[in-house]
C-alpha atoms as a PDB file:
ATOM      1  CA  MET A   1      41.391  71.626 -36.735  1.00  0.00           C
ATOM      2  CA  ASN A   2      38.443  73.894 -36.168  1.00  0.00           C
ATOM      3  CA  SER A   3      35.833  73.366 -33.464  1.00  0.00           C
ATOM      4  CA  ASN A   4      33.200  71.949 -35.874  1.00  0.00           C
ATOM      5  CA  ALA A   5      35.541  69.195 -37.024  1.00  0.00           C
ATOM      6  CA  LYS A   6      36.367  68.288 -33.411  1.00  0.00           C
ATOM      7  CA  ARG A   7      32.644  68.007 -32.575  1.00  0.00           C
ATOM      8  CA  LEU A   8      32.041  65.676 -35.537  1.00  0.00           C
ATOM      9  CA  LEU A   9      34.901  63.393 -34.488  1.00  0.00           C
ATOM     10  CA  ALA A  10      33.678  63.324 -30.899  1.00  0.00           C
ATOM     11  CA  LYS A  11      30.224  62.029 -31.963  1.00  0.00           C
ATOM     12  CA  GLY A  12      31.498  58.661 -33.283  1.00  0.00           C
ATOM     13  CA  PHE A  13      31.834  55.347 -31.422  1.00  0.00           C
ATOM     14  CA  THR A  14      35.104  53.990 -30.168  1.00  0.00           C
ATOM     15  CA  LEU A  15      36.340  50.566 -31.180  1.00  0.00           C
ATOM     16  CA  THR A  16      35.770  49.350 -27.614  1.00  0.00           C
ATOM     17  CA  GLU A  17      32.128  50.427 -27.676  1.00  0.00           C
ATOM     18  CA  LEU A  18      31.564  48.698 -31.023  1.00  0.00           C
ATOM     19  CA  MET A  19      33.202  45.495 -29.758  1.00  0.00           C
ATOM     20  CA  ALA A  20      30.987  45.538 -26.647  1.00  0.00           C
ATOM     21  CA  VAL A  21      27.869  45.806 -28.831  1.00  0.00           C
ATOM     22  CA  VAL A  22      29.065  42.961 -31.083  1.00  0.00           C
ATOM     23  CA  ILE A  23      29.737  40.736 -28.051  1.00  0.00           C
ATOM     24  CA  ILE A  24      26.292  41.453 -26.571  1.00  0.00           C
ATOM     25  CA  ILE A  25      24.614  40.669 -29.889  1.00  0.00           C
ATOM     26  CA  ALA A  26      26.600  37.406 -30.174  1.00  0.00           C
ATOM     27  CA  ILE A  27      25.536  36.334 -26.675  1.00  0.00           C
ATOM     28  CA  LEU A  28      21.879  37.087 -27.404  1.00  0.00           C
ATOM     29  CA  ALA A  29      22.080  35.259 -30.735  1.00  0.00           C
ATOM     30  CA  GLY A  30      23.610  32.210 -29.021  1.00  0.00           C
ATOM     31  CA  ILE A  31      20.813  32.115 -26.464  1.00  0.00           C
ATOM     32  CA  GLY A  32      18.207  32.633 -29.167  1.00  0.00           C
ATOM     33  CA  PHE A  33      19.655  29.892 -31.374  1.00  0.00           C
ATOM     34  CA  GLY A  34      19.634  27.401 -28.490  1.00  0.00           C
ATOM     35  CA  SER A  35      16.009  28.227 -27.742  1.00  0.00           C
ATOM     36  CA  TYR A  36      15.178  27.952 -31.430  1.00  0.00           C
ATOM     37  CA  LYS A  37      16.758  24.481 -31.663  1.00  0.00           C
ATOM     38  CA  LYS A  38      14.814  23.300 -28.586  1.00  0.00           C
ATOM     39  CA  SER A  39      11.571  24.644 -30.041  1.00  0.00           C
ATOM     40  CA  VAL A  40      12.183  22.892 -33.343  1.00  0.00           C
ATOM     41  CA  GLU A  41      12.929  19.576 -31.609  1.00  0.00           C
ATOM     42  CA  ARG A  42       9.823  19.943 -29.440  1.00  0.00           C
ATOM     43  CA  SER A  43       7.744  20.413 -32.601  1.00  0.00           C
ATOM     44  CA  HIS A  44       9.372  17.302 -34.096  1.00  0.00           C
ATOM     45  CA  PHE A  45       8.583  15.426 -30.858  1.00  0.00           C
ATOM     46  CA  THR A  46       4.931  16.437 -31.201  1.00  0.00           C
ATOM     47  CA  GLU A  47       4.931  15.401 -34.855  1.00  0.00           C
ATOM     48  CA  GLY A  48       6.200  11.958 -33.842  1.00  0.00           C
ATOM     49  CA  LEU A  49       3.506  11.615 -31.191  1.00  0.00           C
ATOM     50  CA  VAL A  50       0.836  12.576 -33.702  1.00  0.00           C
ATOM     51  CA  ALA A  51       2.133  10.099 -36.311  1.00  0.00           C
ATOM     52  CA  GLY A  52       2.406   7.312 -33.733  1.00  0.00           C
ATOM     53  CA  ASN A  53      -1.011   7.985 -32.217  1.00  0.00           C
ATOM     54  CA  THR A  54      -2.571   8.141 -35.686  1.00  0.00           C
ATOM     55  CA  VAL A  55      -1.228   4.680 -36.490  1.00  0.00           C
ATOM     56  CA  LEU A  56      -2.155   3.430 -33.002  1.00  0.00           C
ATOM     57  CA  GLU A  57      -5.753   4.598 -33.417  1.00  0.00           C
ATOM     58  CA  ALA A  58      -5.881   2.838 -36.781  1.00  0.00           C
ATOM     59  CA  VAL A  59      -4.554  -0.343 -35.118  1.00  0.00           C
ATOM     60  CA  ASN A  60      -7.293  -0.042 -32.459  1.00  0.00           C
ATOM     61  CA  ARG A  61      -9.924   0.393 -35.187  1.00  0.00           C
ATOM     62  CA  TYR A  62      -8.530  -2.650 -36.997  1.00  0.00           C
ATOM     63  CA  TYR A  63      -8.932  -4.784 -33.872  1.00  0.00           C
ATOM     64  CA  TYR A  64     -12.432  -3.415 -33.210  1.00  0.00           C
ATOM     65  CA  ASP A  65     -13.415  -4.166 -36.815  1.00  0.00           C
ATOM     66  CA  ASN A  66     -12.022  -7.693 -36.470  1.00  0.00           C
ATOM     67  CA  PRO A  67     -13.390  -8.820 -33.093  1.00  0.00           C
ATOM     68  CA  ASP A  68     -12.950 -12.493 -33.935  1.00  0.00           C
ATOM     69  CA  LEU A  69      -9.242 -12.132 -33.164  1.00  0.00           C
ATOM     70  CA  SER A  70      -8.681 -13.432 -29.666  1.00  0.00           C
ATOM     71  CA  ALA A  71      -5.885 -11.963 -27.579  1.00  0.00           C
ATOM     72  CA  ALA A  72      -3.834 -15.116 -28.170  1.00  0.00           C
ATOM     73  CA  ALA A  73      -4.421 -15.096 -31.929  1.00  0.00           C
ATOM     74  CA  ARG A  74      -4.036 -11.349 -32.362  1.00  0.00           C
ATOM     75  CA  LYS A  75      -1.577 -10.585 -35.129  1.00  0.00           C
ATOM     76  CA  ARG A  76      -0.192  -7.204 -35.871  1.00  0.00           C
ATOM     77  CA  PRO A  77      -1.852  -5.615 -38.862  1.00  0.00           C
ATOM     78  CA  LYS A  78       0.213  -4.551 -41.826  1.00  0.00           C
ATOM     79  CA  MET A  79       0.339  -0.846 -42.638  1.00  0.00           C
ATOM     80  CA  ASP A  80      -1.602  -1.509 -45.836  1.00  0.00           C
ATOM     81  CA  TYR A  81      -4.532  -2.891 -43.788  1.00  0.00           C
ATOM     82  CA  LEU A  82      -4.915   0.347 -41.847  1.00  0.00           C
ATOM     83  CA  ASP A  83      -7.090   3.263 -42.892  1.00  0.00           C
ATOM     84  CA  VAL A  84      -4.381   5.910 -42.495  1.00  0.00           C
ATOM     85  CA  ASP A  85      -1.790   7.449 -44.710  1.00  0.00           C
ATOM     86  CA  LEU A  86       1.115   9.324 -43.163  1.00  0.00           C
ATOM     87  CA  SER A  87       2.184  12.328 -45.202  1.00  0.00           C
ATOM     88  CA  ASN A  88       5.266  11.735 -47.340  1.00  0.00           C
ATOM     89  CA  ALA A  89       5.550   8.182 -45.972  1.00  0.00           C
ATOM     90  CA  LYS A  90       8.145   5.876 -47.465  1.00  0.00           C
ATOM     91  CA  ALA A  91       9.879   2.623 -46.626  1.00  0.00           C
ATOM     92  CA  CYS A  92      11.874   2.443 -43.399  1.00  0.00           C
ATOM     93  CA  THR A  93      15.648   2.577 -43.638  1.00  0.00           C
ATOM     94  CA  VAL A  94      16.989   2.802 -40.073  1.00  0.00           C
ATOM     95  CA  VAL A  95      15.299  -0.037 -38.194  1.00  0.00           C
ATOM     96  CA  SER A  96      16.498  -3.092 -40.073  1.00  0.00           C
ATOM     97  CA  SER A  97      14.475  -5.513 -37.928  1.00  0.00           C
ATOM     98  CA  ALA A  98      11.207  -3.903 -39.023  1.00  0.00           C
ATOM     99  CA  SER A  99       9.600  -5.369 -42.105  1.00  0.00           C
ATOM    100  CA  SER A 100       8.441  -2.740 -44.569  1.00  0.00           C
ATOM    101  CA  ASP A 101       4.931  -4.226 -44.221  1.00  0.00           C
ATOM    102  CA  TYR A 102       4.815  -2.965 -40.629  1.00  0.00           C
ATOM    103  CA  CYS A 103       6.896   0.195 -40.834  1.00  0.00           C
ATOM    104  CA  ARG A 104       6.568   3.611 -42.463  1.00  0.00           C
ATOM    105  CA  ARG A 105       8.980   6.484 -42.387  1.00  0.00           C
ATOM    106  CA  THR A 106       8.023  10.127 -42.242  1.00  0.00           C
ATOM    107  CA  ARG A 107      10.537  12.931 -42.531  1.00  0.00           C
ATOM    108  CA  TYR A 108      11.734  12.642 -38.916  1.00  0.00           C
ATOM    109  CA  PHE A 109      10.329   9.336 -37.632  1.00  0.00           C
ATOM    110  CA  GLU A 110       9.897   5.665 -38.337  1.00  0.00           C
ATOM    111  CA  VAL A 111       6.590   4.250 -37.081  1.00  0.00           C
ATOM    112  CA  ILE A 112       6.640   0.492 -36.520  1.00  0.00           C
ATOM    113  CA  ILE A 113       3.680  -1.743 -35.629  1.00  0.00           C
ATOM    114  CA  TYR A 114       4.428  -4.583 -33.196  1.00  0.00           C
ATOM    115  CA  ASP A 115       2.128  -7.147 -31.562  1.00  0.00           C
ATOM    116  CA  TRP A 116       2.169  -5.125 -28.332  1.00  0.00           C
ATOM    117  CA  GLY A 117       1.690  -1.634 -29.823  1.00  0.00           C
ATOM    118  CA  VAL A 118       3.545   1.000 -31.827  1.00  0.00           C
ATOM    119  CA  GLN A 119       7.148   2.149 -31.614  1.00  0.00           C
ATOM    120  CA  VAL A 120       8.090   5.567 -32.974  1.00  0.00           C
ATOM    121  CA  ASN A 121      11.823   6.136 -33.551  1.00  0.00           C
ATOM    122  CA  ARG A 122      13.260   9.618 -33.992  1.00  0.00           C
ATOM    123  CA  VAL A 123      15.624   9.395 -36.944  1.00  0.00           C
ATOM    124  CA  GLN A 124      17.880  11.800 -38.740  1.00  0.00           C
ATOM    125  CA  GLY A 125      19.437  10.808 -41.998  1.00  0.00           C
ATOM    126  CA  ASN A 126      19.986   7.077 -41.748  1.00  0.00           C
ATOM    127  CA  SER A 127      20.562   6.766 -38.018  1.00  0.00           C
ATOM    128  CA  ASN A 128      18.606   6.819 -34.778  1.00  0.00           C
ATOM    129  CA  LYS A 129      18.536  10.054 -32.825  1.00  0.00           C
ATOM    130  CA  ASP A 130      18.014  10.999 -29.157  1.00  0.00           C
ATOM    131  CA  TYR A 131      14.738   9.261 -28.223  1.00  0.00           C
ATOM    132  CA  TYR A 132      11.870   6.973 -29.210  1.00  0.00           C
ATOM    133  CA  PHE A 133       8.346   6.201 -27.973  1.00  0.00           C
ATOM    134  CA  TYR A 134       6.331   3.158 -27.051  1.00  0.00           C
ATOM    135  CA  LEU A 135       2.612   3.712 -27.588  1.00  0.00           C
ATOM    136  CA  TYR A 136       0.221   1.029 -26.354  1.00  0.00           C
ATOM    137  CA  PRO A 137      -3.265   0.208 -27.722  1.00  0.00           C
ATOM    138  CA  ASP A 138      -6.484   0.120 -25.705  1.00  0.00           C
ATOM    139  CA  PHE A 139      -6.318  -3.637 -25.133  1.00  0.00           C
ATOM    140  CA  ALA A 140      -2.963  -3.245 -23.338  1.00  0.00           C
ATOM    141  CA  GLY A 141      -4.770  -1.288 -20.590  1.00  0.00           C
ATOM    142  CA  ARG A 142      -2.202  -1.471 -17.816  1.00  0.00           C
ATOM    143  CA  TYR A 143       0.661   0.042 -19.820  1.00  0.00           C
ATOM    144  CA  THR A 144       1.300   3.748 -20.150  1.00  0.00           C
ATOM    145  CA  ASP A 145       3.016   5.331 -23.116  1.00  0.00           C
ATOM    146  CA  GLN A 146       6.750   5.699 -22.697  1.00  0.00           C
ATOM    147  CA  CYS A 147       9.475   7.990 -23.986  1.00  0.00           C
ATOM    148  CA  ILE A 148      12.873   6.287 -23.957  1.00  0.00           C
ATOM    149  CA  SER A 149      16.035   8.328 -24.269  1.00  0.00           C
ATOM    150  CA  ARG A 150      19.275   7.275 -25.871  1.00  0.00           C
ATOM    151  CA  ASN A 151      21.265  10.113 -24.273  1.00  0.00           C
ATOM    152  CA  ASP A 152      20.978  13.133 -21.956  1.00  0.00           C
ATOM    153  CA  ALA A 153      19.472  15.357 -24.655  1.00  0.00           C
ATOM    154  CA  GLY A 154      16.713  12.804 -25.227  1.00  0.00           C
ATOM    155  CA  ALA A 155      16.066  12.488 -21.483  1.00  0.00           C
ATOM    156  CA  ASP A 156      15.769  16.270 -21.113  1.00  0.00           C
ATOM    157  CA  LEU A 157      13.346  16.429 -24.029  1.00  0.00           C
ATOM    158  CA  CYS A 158      11.214  13.565 -22.671  1.00  0.00           C
ATOM    159  CA  LYS A 159      10.978  15.305 -19.308  1.00  0.00           C
ATOM    160  CA  SER A 160      10.182  18.696 -20.827  1.00  0.00           C
ATOM    161  CA  MET A 161       7.336  17.129 -22.830  1.00  0.00           C
ATOM    162  CA  GLY A 162       5.590  15.804 -19.719  1.00  0.00           C
ATOM    163  CA  TYR A 163       7.104  12.333 -19.322  1.00  0.00           C
ATOM    164  CA  THR A 164       8.213  12.879 -15.751  1.00  0.00           C
ATOM    165  CA  SER A 165       8.212   9.408 -14.168  1.00  0.00           C
ATOM    166  CA  CYS A 166      11.692   8.352 -15.255  1.00  0.00           C
ATOM    167  CA  SER A 167      14.078   5.547 -14.371  1.00  0.00           C
ATOM    168  CA  ALA A 168      16.954   4.036 -16.342  1.00  0.00           C
ATOM    169  CA  GLY A 169      16.245   6.189 -19.407  1.00  0.00           C
ATOM    170  CA  LYS A 170      12.562   5.220 -19.625  1.00  0.00           C
ATOM    171  CA  CYS A 171      10.022   7.933 -18.895  1.00  0.00           C
ATOM    172  CA  SER A 172       6.262   7.626 -18.712  1.00  0.00           C
ATOM    173  CA  LYS A 173       3.485  10.058 -18.002  1.00  0.00           C
ATOM    174  CA  PRO A 174       2.314  10.050 -14.375  1.00  0.00           C
END
């Protein structure tokens, strides 16, 4: 072999060097994918809060427009009575106890109107996921909105979104 050929062979990478680069890239991709998943779930969390608060504001407007309803006679309004329309809303499928008159499903959440306020369930497919919210109307003054977790992932997400006063899986904003 002449000296030029030896120089060309010496300029390449060894298998060990290539494997080290592949391992480093895999580690960085794993970290990046985890961060990406958390960011996506945080955006879904925000979407659920927006959907729930939109319905809650409509419930408040309904009660303000119908002041003759006393606190004792206050009935929950049906979704059709409210002046909101959630994008791509359809009938609920996960929460069987919720009548379709009081429940609408978005892509990631089911928003249910109760006498005491609004519940927003995080759903995926046809099952409940890691967390849900309780959002309370103006007339329920002493209650603060809550994020309730079904598992550790839900609890971590609730805490990271500002619900820091937690006990027994229920978190509320301080």
